[in-house]
Structure formats: structure tokens, C-alpha cells
Amino acid sequence: MKLMYFFDNHIKHHIMKGKKYCHPANTGTFGSGLSCIREYDVNMWFYTKGATTIAFDSGHLNFKGLEAEFRKIHIIPTAIQHLFLTHADVDHAGGIDISGKNIFPNARVYLGRDEEPYLTGETHRMKKFGIKLKNCVKIREDYLLLEDGDLIRIEGISVTAIHVPGHTLGHMCYLVDDKILVSGDCMAVNQNGGYSFFDFFTQYPELNKKSLRKLSRIVENKSIEAVCSGHSGIVRNIDNLFSHIDESATSSKKHPFDETAPWDFRK
């Protein structure tokens, strides 16, 4: 049994219901070339410049109703030729898993070099109750592995890979045209600012905090227009983005992380 998929599909929404831990953006367009699709609690992001659109993350395995979501943002998924994965978790890379329908069949896939051991099964994703759980995502092997600082240029678009280990060992953020930051799951953001992502889902919380300090130094002199997060939607207020990165985000029914977030992210 693929335990990580089973947890993601059947368990997570029950244990997180009412805790208001995530606030993904609804499917739509946001200016600055940005658009997204919401799949329950997670966003996949798109950046368009001229006639070229690139994608960031691929969402869940075999997500239902996806064709209608793509129509809302006027993107044809088979036309996507470049897909950047922030990491290989089931809710970010499931959409290109070879065991399901690949939503971006014509895309070259990019991911961090240190993320590959999760795909090959050489290392476990997390340890819960003394059990080592391995990531069950498998993707085509013609992906391109990225190092920290790698710069990819695609039809006038620049994408800089920033290695931000902690949530996973190979987690990457992407700086697009020096103005858009795709942050994946390294941080959670609410009205008070950005926090290190929830410990329960983060493999190495203290390493994640260290990586966020590095990320803050890299972008401090950039004119960032928007941060595209994995589970906190689009963030325009950059002033307090790193204000709580030495704290891990927490959420409970009594003390939700984001009071404005949906009570049940599946509705």
C-alpha cells in the first residue's frame, strides 16, 4: 500500500479539519503573469510571459475535475514544456506520477538534486511512531537535477533555483525574473507574517529555519512583487514575510493558524 498517498487522500483532511492551517488561493489569475490552480489544500502555480507559460508543482495524483480548472485560467496543460518541482511530496509531484495520469506529459521536469533519493527510495520522507515512511511518488527518469544557484533561461524568463532544505532535503524555491518567489512548503504565512512550516510535515524543522534565514538574505535586496506558496496562497505583503521564521507554525481548533482559512479545505 502507498501509505503517503493513503494518508494524503483519506486521513489528512480529517485530522486537519477545523484547524485552519492552510489558505490556498482559489483557481484564478493574479496579474504579473501569475495564475494558479487550487487542489484542495495546495496550489500549483503558473507564470506566463509572452507566449510561454511555465509551471511550478503538479498537485495531487489523478485530481478530479482538473480539466475545468485549467479552462478557468486558459492554460492547456499539454502545452507546458517546463515544470519546476519545489519538492517531491505526493501533493506537489503526484500530478506527474507514472502510476497515474501525467498532467504535463510534454514538460521537462526540474527538481533539486538532493530530492532524488526520495524518488528512488534510498531515503525515507519522515518517521512517525517509530515507522520510517518513504515517499511513494515515481516520475519519469528524464528529469533535470538542479544545484543551489542554478539559473535556467526559457524564452526570456529567468528562473533561479534556491536550495532551501528542511521540509525535505532537496526542497527548492524558485526566483522568477527576480520578482516572483515560488516558496513551496518551506514556510506558512498568515496575517502576522511568515513562519517555518509546520513541524509535523517538515522532516528537519531546525534545518528549515536555518534555510529560511539564508533565503531572507538572498531576497532582501530584490523587488519581490509576490510570493507563491504551497498552502498559503499568494502573498503580496513582503514586509513581514520573514518576521517569524525562527518559529514553527502551529495550528489547532482552539488556536487556528489562519482565522480566515477554510474550516474544511475539501469544501
C-alpha atoms as a PDB file:
ATOM      1  CA  MET A   1       0.000   0.000   0.000  1.00  0.00           C
ATOM      2  CA  LYS A   2       1.240   3.508  -0.825  1.00  0.00           C
ATOM      3  CA  LEU A   3       0.961   4.889   2.690  1.00  0.00           C
ATOM      4  CA  MET A   4       1.766   8.504   1.883  1.00  0.00           C
ATOM      5  CA  TYR A   5      -0.960   8.630  -0.763  1.00  0.00           C
ATOM      6  CA  PHE A   6      -3.407   6.919   1.586  1.00  0.00           C
ATOM      7  CA  PHE A   7      -2.663   9.495   4.285  1.00  0.00           C
ATOM      8  CA  ASP A   8      -2.968  12.385   1.849  1.00  0.00           C
ATOM      9  CA  ASN A   9      -6.232  11.174   0.317  1.00  0.00           C
ATOM     10  CA  HIS A  10      -8.084   9.685   3.266  1.00  0.00           C
ATOM     11  CA  ILE A  11      -6.571  10.812   6.571  1.00  0.00           C
ATOM     12  CA  LYS A  12      -5.111  14.317   6.365  1.00  0.00           C
ATOM     13  CA  HIS A  13      -8.342  16.242   5.815  1.00  0.00           C
ATOM     14  CA  HIS A  14      -9.940  14.536   8.819  1.00  0.00           C
ATOM     15  CA  ILE A  15      -7.139  15.304  11.266  1.00  0.00           C
ATOM     16  CA  MET A  16      -6.685  18.865   9.939  1.00  0.00           C
ATOM     17  CA  LYS A  17     -10.393  19.749   9.723  1.00  0.00           C
ATOM     18  CA  GLY A  18     -11.224  22.828  11.775  1.00  0.00           C
ATOM     19  CA  LYS A  19      -7.580  23.734  12.442  1.00  0.00           C
ATOM     20  CA  LYS A  20      -7.462  26.306   9.623  1.00  0.00           C
ATOM     21  CA  TYR A  21      -3.844  25.553   8.923  1.00  0.00           C
ATOM     22  CA  CYS A  22      -3.867  26.345   5.195  1.00  0.00           C
ATOM     23  CA  HIS A  23      -5.358  29.016   2.986  1.00  0.00           C
ATOM     24  CA  PRO A  24      -4.614  28.216  -0.670  1.00  0.00           C
ATOM     25  CA  ALA A  25      -5.653  30.684  -3.347  1.00  0.00           C
ATOM     26  CA  ASN A  26      -8.672  29.754  -5.424  1.00  0.00           C
ATOM     27  CA  THR A  27      -8.050  28.928  -9.063  1.00  0.00           C
ATOM     28  CA  GLY A  28      -7.561  32.166 -10.964  1.00  0.00           C
ATOM     29  CA  THR A  29      -5.214  34.815 -12.361  1.00  0.00           C
ATOM     30  CA  PHE A  30      -3.423  37.492 -10.335  1.00  0.00           C
ATOM     31  CA  GLY A  31      -1.573  39.825 -12.674  1.00  0.00           C
ATOM     32  CA  SER A  32       2.212  39.908 -13.060  1.00  0.00           C
ATOM     33  CA  GLY A  33       1.861  36.851 -15.310  1.00  0.00           C
ATOM     34  CA  LEU A  34       0.721  34.666 -12.411  1.00  0.00           C
ATOM     35  CA  SER A  35      -2.085  32.151 -12.234  1.00  0.00           C
ATOM     36  CA  CYS A  36      -2.814  29.100 -10.121  1.00  0.00           C
ATOM     37  CA  ILE A  37      -4.966  26.051  -9.701  1.00  0.00           C
ATOM     38  CA  ARG A  38      -6.233  25.034  -6.300  1.00  0.00           C
ATOM     39  CA  GLU A  39      -6.404  21.347  -5.468  1.00  0.00           C
ATOM     40  CA  TYR A  40      -7.969  21.115  -2.009  1.00  0.00           C
ATOM     41  CA  ASP A  41      -5.219  22.428   0.300  1.00  0.00           C
ATOM     42  CA  VAL A  42      -2.455  23.031  -2.248  1.00  0.00           C
ATOM     43  CA  ASN A  43      -1.729  25.351  -5.157  1.00  0.00           C
ATOM     44  CA  MET A  44       0.184  24.710  -8.345  1.00  0.00           C
ATOM     45  CA  TRP A  45       1.440  27.909  -9.955  1.00  0.00           C
ATOM     46  CA  PHE A  46       1.966  29.188 -13.488  1.00  0.00           C
ATOM     47  CA  TYR A  47       3.978  32.086 -14.857  1.00  0.00           C
ATOM     48  CA  THR A  48       3.292  33.435 -18.329  1.00  0.00           C
ATOM     49  CA  LYS A  49       5.471  35.803 -20.308  1.00  0.00           C
ATOM     50  CA  GLY A  50       4.633  36.445 -23.925  1.00  0.00           C
ATOM     51  CA  ALA A  51       3.636  33.132 -25.489  1.00  0.00           C
ATOM     52  CA  THR A  52       5.433  30.994 -22.894  1.00  0.00           C
ATOM     53  CA  THR A  53       3.965  29.522 -19.706  1.00  0.00           C
ATOM     54  CA  ILE A  54       5.985  27.554 -17.164  1.00  0.00           C
ATOM     55  CA  ALA A  55       4.586  25.551 -14.252  1.00  0.00           C
ATOM     56  CA  PHE A  56       5.571  25.039 -10.632  1.00  0.00           C
ATOM     57  CA  ASP A  57       4.481  21.784  -8.959  1.00  0.00           C
ATOM     58  CA  SER A  58       1.846  19.387 -10.251  1.00  0.00           C
ATOM     59  CA  GLY A  59      -0.583  18.825  -7.379  1.00  0.00           C
ATOM     60  CA  HIS A  60      -2.249  15.584  -6.348  1.00  0.00           C
ATOM     61  CA  LEU A  61      -2.416  12.248  -8.141  1.00  0.00           C
ATOM     62  CA  ASN A  62      -5.400  11.991 -10.524  1.00  0.00           C
ATOM     63  CA  PHE A  63      -7.174  15.062  -9.148  1.00  0.00           C
ATOM     64  CA  LYS A  64     -10.794  15.084 -10.318  1.00  0.00           C
ATOM     65  CA  GLY A  65     -12.177  17.953 -12.359  1.00  0.00           C
ATOM     66  CA  LEU A  66      -8.774  19.282 -13.334  1.00  0.00           C
ATOM     67  CA  GLU A  67      -9.734  19.956 -16.951  1.00  0.00           C
ATOM     68  CA  ALA A  68     -12.297  22.543 -15.828  1.00  0.00           C
ATOM     69  CA  GLU A  69      -9.730  24.240 -13.593  1.00  0.00           C
ATOM     70  CA  PHE A  70      -7.305  24.613 -16.492  1.00  0.00           C
ATOM     71  CA  ARG A  71     -10.059  26.135 -18.620  1.00  0.00           C
ATOM     72  CA  LYS A  72     -10.659  28.792 -15.952  1.00  0.00           C
ATOM     73  CA  ILE A  73      -7.106  30.097 -16.362  1.00  0.00           C
ATOM     74  CA  HIS A  74      -6.912  29.476 -20.127  1.00  0.00           C
ATOM     75  CA  ILE A  75      -3.927  27.140 -19.937  1.00  0.00           C
ATOM     76  CA  ILE A  76      -3.548  23.950 -21.946  1.00  0.00           C
ATOM     77  CA  PRO A  77      -1.536  21.541 -19.779  1.00  0.00           C
ATOM     78  CA  THR A  78      -0.154  19.577 -22.733  1.00  0.00           C
ATOM     79  CA  ALA A  79       1.418  22.837 -23.962  1.00  0.00           C
ATOM     80  CA  ILE A  80       3.517  23.204 -20.802  1.00  0.00           C
ATOM     81  CA  GLN A  81       7.133  22.394 -21.687  1.00  0.00           C
ATOM     82  CA  HIS A  82       8.850  23.241 -18.398  1.00  0.00           C
ATOM     83  CA  LEU A  83       7.794  22.104 -14.911  1.00  0.00           C
ATOM     84  CA  PHE A  84       9.720  23.040 -11.766  1.00  0.00           C
ATOM     85  CA  LEU A  85       9.079  20.927  -8.664  1.00  0.00           C
ATOM     86  CA  THR A  86       9.686  22.533  -5.289  1.00  0.00           C
ATOM     87  CA  HIS A  87       9.833  19.023  -3.824  1.00  0.00           C
ATOM     88  CA  ALA A  88       8.554  15.520  -4.479  1.00  0.00           C
ATOM     89  CA  ASP A  89       5.782  15.160  -1.886  1.00  0.00           C
ATOM     90  CA  VAL A  90       2.564  13.487  -3.022  1.00  0.00           C
ATOM     91  CA  ASP A  91       0.604  16.764  -3.092  1.00  0.00           C
ATOM     92  CA  HIS A  92       3.244  18.565  -5.163  1.00  0.00           C
ATOM     93  CA  ALA A  93       4.508  15.884  -7.545  1.00  0.00           C
ATOM     94  CA  GLY A  94       1.545  13.474  -7.652  1.00  0.00           C
ATOM     95  CA  GLY A  95       0.247  15.030 -10.844  1.00  0.00           C
ATOM     96  CA  ILE A  96       3.154  13.571 -12.824  1.00  0.00           C
ATOM     97  CA  ASP A  97       3.391  10.222 -11.018  1.00  0.00           C
ATOM     98  CA  ILE A  98       3.807   7.412 -13.567  1.00  0.00           C
ATOM     99  CA  SER A  99       1.153   5.396 -11.710  1.00  0.00           C
ATOM    100  CA  GLY A 100      -1.491   7.963 -12.706  1.00  0.00           C
ATOM    101  CA  LYS A 101      -2.270  10.432 -15.470  1.00  0.00           C
ATOM    102  CA  ASN A 102       0.625  12.774 -16.171  1.00  0.00           C
ATOM    103  CA  ILE A 103      -0.981  16.205 -16.451  1.00  0.00           C
ATOM    104  CA  PHE A 104       2.171  17.691 -18.061  1.00  0.00           C
ATOM    105  CA  PRO A 105       3.253  14.906 -20.452  1.00  0.00           C
ATOM    106  CA  ASN A 106       5.365  17.188 -22.649  1.00  0.00           C
ATOM    107  CA  ALA A 107       7.214  19.045 -19.910  1.00  0.00           C
ATOM    108  CA  ARG A 108      10.846  18.814 -18.956  1.00  0.00           C
ATOM    109  CA  VAL A 109      10.879  18.350 -15.175  1.00  0.00           C
ATOM    110  CA  TYR A 110      13.353  20.148 -12.894  1.00  0.00           C
ATOM    111  CA  LEU A 111      13.968  19.365  -9.218  1.00  0.00           C
ATOM    112  CA  GLY A 112      16.659  19.664  -6.584  1.00  0.00           C
ATOM    113  CA  ARG A 113      19.471  17.131  -6.704  1.00  0.00           C
ATOM    114  CA  ASP A 114      19.010  16.181  -3.047  1.00  0.00           C
ATOM    115  CA  GLU A 115      15.354  15.385  -3.724  1.00  0.00           C
ATOM    116  CA  GLU A 116      16.168  12.430  -5.966  1.00  0.00           C
ATOM    117  CA  PRO A 117      16.759   9.912  -3.101  1.00  0.00           C
ATOM    118  CA  TYR A 118      13.071  10.232  -2.156  1.00  0.00           C
ATOM    119  CA  LEU A 119      12.080   9.255  -5.690  1.00  0.00           C
ATOM    120  CA  THR A 120      14.459   6.291  -5.789  1.00  0.00           C
ATOM    121  CA  GLY A 121      13.518   5.077  -2.307  1.00  0.00           C
ATOM    122  CA  GLU A 122      17.046   5.459  -0.990  1.00  0.00           C
ATOM    123  CA  THR A 123      15.852   7.564   1.934  1.00  0.00           C
ATOM    124  CA  HIS A 124      12.647   7.919   3.917  1.00  0.00           C
ATOM    125  CA  ARG A 125      10.480  11.026   3.859  1.00  0.00           C
ATOM    126  CA  MET A 126       9.515  11.093   7.529  1.00  0.00           C
ATOM    127  CA  LYS A 127       9.431   8.999  10.663  1.00  0.00           C
ATOM    128  CA  LYS A 128       6.178   8.702  12.592  1.00  0.00           C
ATOM    129  CA  PHE A 129       5.534   6.489  15.613  1.00  0.00           C
ATOM    130  CA  GLY A 130       8.872   4.808  15.027  1.00  0.00           C
ATOM    131  CA  ILE A 131       7.995   3.911  11.430  1.00  0.00           C
ATOM    132  CA  LYS A 132      10.057   5.219   8.526  1.00  0.00           C
ATOM    133  CA  LEU A 133       7.705   6.307   5.756  1.00  0.00           C
ATOM    134  CA  LYS A 134       9.008   6.547   2.223  1.00  0.00           C
ATOM    135  CA  ASN A 135       7.726   8.853  -0.460  1.00  0.00           C
ATOM    136  CA  CYS A 136       5.773   6.783  -2.987  1.00  0.00           C
ATOM    137  CA  VAL A 137       5.926   9.190  -5.943  1.00  0.00           C
ATOM    138  CA  LYS A 138       7.646   7.824  -9.050  1.00  0.00           C
ATOM    139  CA  ILE A 139       8.240  10.012 -12.081  1.00  0.00           C
ATOM    140  CA  ARG A 140       9.862   9.618 -15.483  1.00  0.00           C
ATOM    141  CA  GLU A 141      13.630   9.454 -15.133  1.00  0.00           C
ATOM    142  CA  ASP A 142      14.412  12.123 -17.736  1.00  0.00           C
ATOM    143  CA  TYR A 143      14.244  14.925 -15.159  1.00  0.00           C
ATOM    144  CA  LEU A 144      16.964  17.540 -14.751  1.00  0.00           C
ATOM    145  CA  LEU A 145      18.588  17.858 -11.324  1.00  0.00           C
ATOM    146  CA  LEU A 146      19.329  21.360 -10.062  1.00  0.00           C
ATOM    147  CA  GLU A 147      22.005  22.718  -7.754  1.00  0.00           C
ATOM    148  CA  ASP A 148      21.720  25.735  -5.493  1.00  0.00           C
ATOM    149  CA  GLY A 149      22.024  28.895  -7.570  1.00  0.00           C
ATOM    150  CA  ASP A 150      21.413  27.288 -10.958  1.00  0.00           C
ATOM    151  CA  LEU A 151      19.945  29.724 -13.462  1.00  0.00           C
ATOM    152  CA  ILE A 152      17.615  28.485 -16.196  1.00  0.00           C
ATOM    153  CA  ARG A 153      16.566  30.757 -19.050  1.00  0.00           C
ATOM    154  CA  ILE A 154      13.420  29.906 -21.018  1.00  0.00           C
ATOM    155  CA  GLU A 155      12.196  32.210 -23.806  1.00  0.00           C
ATOM    156  CA  GLY A 156      13.069  35.392 -21.934  1.00  0.00           C
ATOM    157  CA  ILE A 157      12.120  34.023 -18.498  1.00  0.00           C
ATOM    158  CA  SER A 158      14.832  33.560 -15.869  1.00  0.00           C
ATOM    159  CA  VAL A 159      14.397  31.008 -13.081  1.00  0.00           C
ATOM    160  CA  THR A 160      16.947  30.840 -10.262  1.00  0.00           C
ATOM    161  CA  ALA A 161      16.945  27.726  -8.075  1.00  0.00           C
ATOM    162  CA  ILE A 162      17.446  28.345  -4.349  1.00  0.00           C
ATOM    163  CA  HIS A 163      18.144  25.269  -2.221  1.00  0.00           C
ATOM    164  CA  VAL A 164      16.091  25.532   0.977  1.00  0.00           C
ATOM    165  CA  PRO A 165      16.466  22.162   2.746  1.00  0.00           C
ATOM    166  CA  GLY A 166      14.454  21.254   5.807  1.00  0.00           C
ATOM    167  CA  HIS A 167      10.904  20.428   4.788  1.00  0.00           C
ATOM    168  CA  THR A 168      12.657  17.894   2.579  1.00  0.00           C
ATOM    169  CA  LEU A 169      16.379  17.599   1.918  1.00  0.00           C
ATOM    170  CA  GLY A 170      16.131  18.754  -1.687  1.00  0.00           C
ATOM    171  CA  HIS A 171      13.434  21.405  -1.327  1.00  0.00           C
ATOM    172  CA  MET A 172      13.871  24.230  -3.836  1.00  0.00           C
ATOM    173  CA  CYS A 173      12.430  27.715  -4.005  1.00  0.00           C
ATOM    174  CA  TYR A 174      12.436  29.499  -7.346  1.00  0.00           C
ATOM    175  CA  LEU A 175      13.051  33.168  -8.038  1.00  0.00           C
ATOM    176  CA  VAL A 176      11.390  34.063 -11.330  1.00  0.00           C
ATOM    177  CA  ASP A 177      12.534  37.136 -13.257  1.00  0.00           C
ATOM    178  CA  ASP A 178      13.947  38.446  -9.972  1.00  0.00           C
ATOM    179  CA  LYS A 179      10.433  39.449  -8.852  1.00  0.00           C
ATOM    180  CA  ILE A 180       8.350  36.332  -8.145  1.00  0.00           C
ATOM    181  CA  LEU A 181       9.291  33.883  -5.382  1.00  0.00           C
ATOM    182  CA  VAL A 182       7.808  30.388  -5.551  1.00  0.00           C
ATOM    183  CA  SER A 183       8.258  29.160  -1.985  1.00  0.00           C
ATOM    184  CA  GLY A 184       6.739  25.667  -1.920  1.00  0.00           C
ATOM    185  CA  ASP A 185       6.470  24.311   1.614  1.00  0.00           C
ATOM    186  CA  CYS A 186       9.365  25.981   3.401  1.00  0.00           C
ATOM    187  CA  MET A 187       7.060  28.471   5.120  1.00  0.00           C
ATOM    188  CA  ALA A 188       3.471  29.034   6.168  1.00  0.00           C
ATOM    189  CA  VAL A 189       2.093  32.571   6.090  1.00  0.00           C
ATOM    190  CA  ASN A 190      -0.789  34.218   7.935  1.00  0.00           C
ATOM    191  CA  GLN A 191      -1.773  37.793   8.818  1.00  0.00           C
ATOM    192  CA  ASN A 192       1.203  38.098  11.159  1.00  0.00           C
ATOM    193  CA  GLY A 193       3.801  37.072   8.600  1.00  0.00           C
ATOM    194  CA  GLY A 194       5.783  34.013   7.639  1.00  0.00           C
ATOM    195  CA  TYR A 195       6.668  31.072   9.872  1.00  0.00           C
ATOM    196  CA  SER A 196       8.746  27.961   9.394  1.00  0.00           C
ATOM    197  CA  PHE A 197       6.418  25.297   8.012  1.00  0.00           C
ATOM    198  CA  PHE A 198       4.569  23.001  10.427  1.00  0.00           C
ATOM    199  CA  ASP A 199       6.850  20.544  12.207  1.00  0.00           C
ATOM    200  CA  PHE A 200       4.511  17.594  11.635  1.00  0.00           C
ATOM    201  CA  PHE A 201       5.060  17.826   7.876  1.00  0.00           C
ATOM    202  CA  THR A 202       8.681  19.015   7.973  1.00  0.00           C
ATOM    203  CA  GLN A 203      11.426  16.426   8.087  1.00  0.00           C
ATOM    204  CA  TYR A 204      14.099  18.631   9.675  1.00  0.00           C
ATOM    205  CA  PRO A 205      12.478  21.682  11.342  1.00  0.00           C
ATOM    206  CA  GLU A 206      15.668  23.283  12.655  1.00  0.00           C
ATOM    207  CA  LEU A 207      17.371  22.934   9.277  1.00  0.00           C
ATOM    208  CA  ASN A 208      14.314  24.542   7.692  1.00  0.00           C
ATOM    209  CA  LYS A 209      14.631  27.557   9.983  1.00  0.00           C
ATOM    210  CA  LYS A 210      18.304  27.895   9.086  1.00  0.00           C
ATOM    211  CA  SER A 211      17.440  27.712   5.389  1.00  0.00           C
ATOM    212  CA  LEU A 212      14.798  30.427   5.755  1.00  0.00           C
ATOM    213  CA  ARG A 213      17.391  32.755   7.248  1.00  0.00           C
ATOM    214  CA  LYS A 214      19.517  32.118   4.159  1.00  0.00           C
ATOM    215  CA  LEU A 215      16.509  32.723   1.882  1.00  0.00           C
ATOM    216  CA  SER A 216      15.746  36.029   3.593  1.00  0.00           C
ATOM    217  CA  ARG A 217      19.287  37.244   2.909  1.00  0.00           C
ATOM    218  CA  ILE A 218      19.062  36.247  -0.754  1.00  0.00           C
ATOM    219  CA  VAL A 219      15.827  38.138  -1.452  1.00  0.00           C
ATOM    220  CA  GLU A 220      16.276  41.131   0.875  1.00  0.00           C
ATOM    221  CA  ASN A 221      17.581  43.348  -1.924  1.00  0.00           C
ATOM    222  CA  LYS A 222      15.160  42.044  -4.547  1.00  0.00           C
ATOM    223  CA  SER A 223      11.985  43.836  -5.554  1.00  0.00           C
ATOM    224  CA  ILE A 224       9.672  40.905  -4.862  1.00  0.00           C
ATOM    225  CA  GLU A 225       6.157  41.509  -6.177  1.00  0.00           C
ATOM    226  CA  ALA A 226       4.578  38.269  -4.984  1.00  0.00           C
ATOM    227  CA  VAL A 227       5.305  35.050  -3.123  1.00  0.00           C
ATOM    228  CA  CYS A 228       3.547  31.955  -4.474  1.00  0.00           C
ATOM    229  CA  SER A 229       3.273  29.494  -1.611  1.00  0.00           C
ATOM    230  CA  GLY A 230       2.272  25.871  -1.471  1.00  0.00           C
ATOM    231  CA  HIS A 231      -0.514  26.176   1.086  1.00  0.00           C
ATOM    232  CA  SER A 232      -0.863  29.884   1.999  1.00  0.00           C
ATOM    233  CA  GLY A 233      -1.885  31.226  -1.384  1.00  0.00           C
ATOM    234  CA  ILE A 234      -0.345  34.328  -2.928  1.00  0.00           C
ATOM    235  CA  VAL A 235       1.410  36.763  -0.582  1.00  0.00           C
ATOM    236  CA  ARG A 236       1.753  40.397  -1.599  1.00  0.00           C
ATOM    237  CA  ASN A 237       2.831  41.876   1.738  1.00  0.00           C
ATOM    238  CA  ILE A 238       6.525  41.107   1.731  1.00  0.00           C
ATOM    239  CA  ASP A 239       7.478  43.388   4.641  1.00  0.00           C
ATOM    240  CA  ASN A 240       6.818  40.767   7.323  1.00  0.00           C
ATOM    241  CA  LEU A 241       7.424  37.658   5.209  1.00  0.00           C
ATOM    242  CA  PHE A 242      10.351  36.535   7.377  1.00  0.00           C
ATOM    243  CA  SER A 243       9.184  38.005  10.675  1.00  0.00           C
ATOM    244  CA  HIS A 244       8.607  34.650  12.444  1.00  0.00           C
ATOM    245  CA  ILE A 245      10.905  32.238  10.642  1.00  0.00           C
ATOM    246  CA  ASP A 246      12.567  31.164  13.886  1.00  0.00           C
ATOM    247  CA  GLU A 247       9.174  29.823  15.000  1.00  0.00           C
ATOM    248  CA  SER A 248       7.338  26.835  13.589  1.00  0.00           C
ATOM    249  CA  ALA A 249       3.758  27.371  12.500  1.00  0.00           C
ATOM    250  CA  THR A 250       1.226  25.679  14.779  1.00  0.00           C
ATOM    251  CA  SER A 251      -2.490  25.156  14.437  1.00  0.00           C
ATOM    252  CA  SER A 252      -5.301  23.634  16.461  1.00  0.00           C
ATOM    253  CA  LYS A 253      -9.062  24.031  16.690  1.00  0.00           C
ATOM    254  CA  LYS A 254      -8.633  26.320  19.690  1.00  0.00           C
ATOM    255  CA  HIS A 255      -5.745  28.224  18.143  1.00  0.00           C
ATOM    256  CA  PRO A 256      -6.002  28.079  14.336  1.00  0.00           C
ATOM    257  CA  PHE A 257      -3.057  29.281  12.303  1.00  0.00           C
ATOM    258  CA  ASP A 258      -5.161  31.438   9.981  1.00  0.00           C
ATOM    259  CA  GLU A 259      -8.597  32.565  11.162  1.00  0.00           C
ATOM    260  CA  THR A 260      -9.599  33.393   7.576  1.00  0.00           C
ATOM    261  CA  ALA A 261      -8.722  29.937   6.249  1.00  0.00           C
ATOM    262  CA  PRO A 262     -11.419  27.397   5.311  1.00  0.00           C
ATOM    263  CA  TRP A 263     -12.673  25.170   8.127  1.00  0.00           C
ATOM    264  CA  ASP A 264     -12.559  22.159   5.792  1.00  0.00           C
ATOM    265  CA  PHE A 265     -10.136  22.554   2.889  1.00  0.00           C
ATOM    266  CA  ARG A 266     -12.026  19.941   0.855  1.00  0.00           C
ATOM    267  CA  LYS A 267     -15.067  22.222   0.604  1.00  0.00           C
END
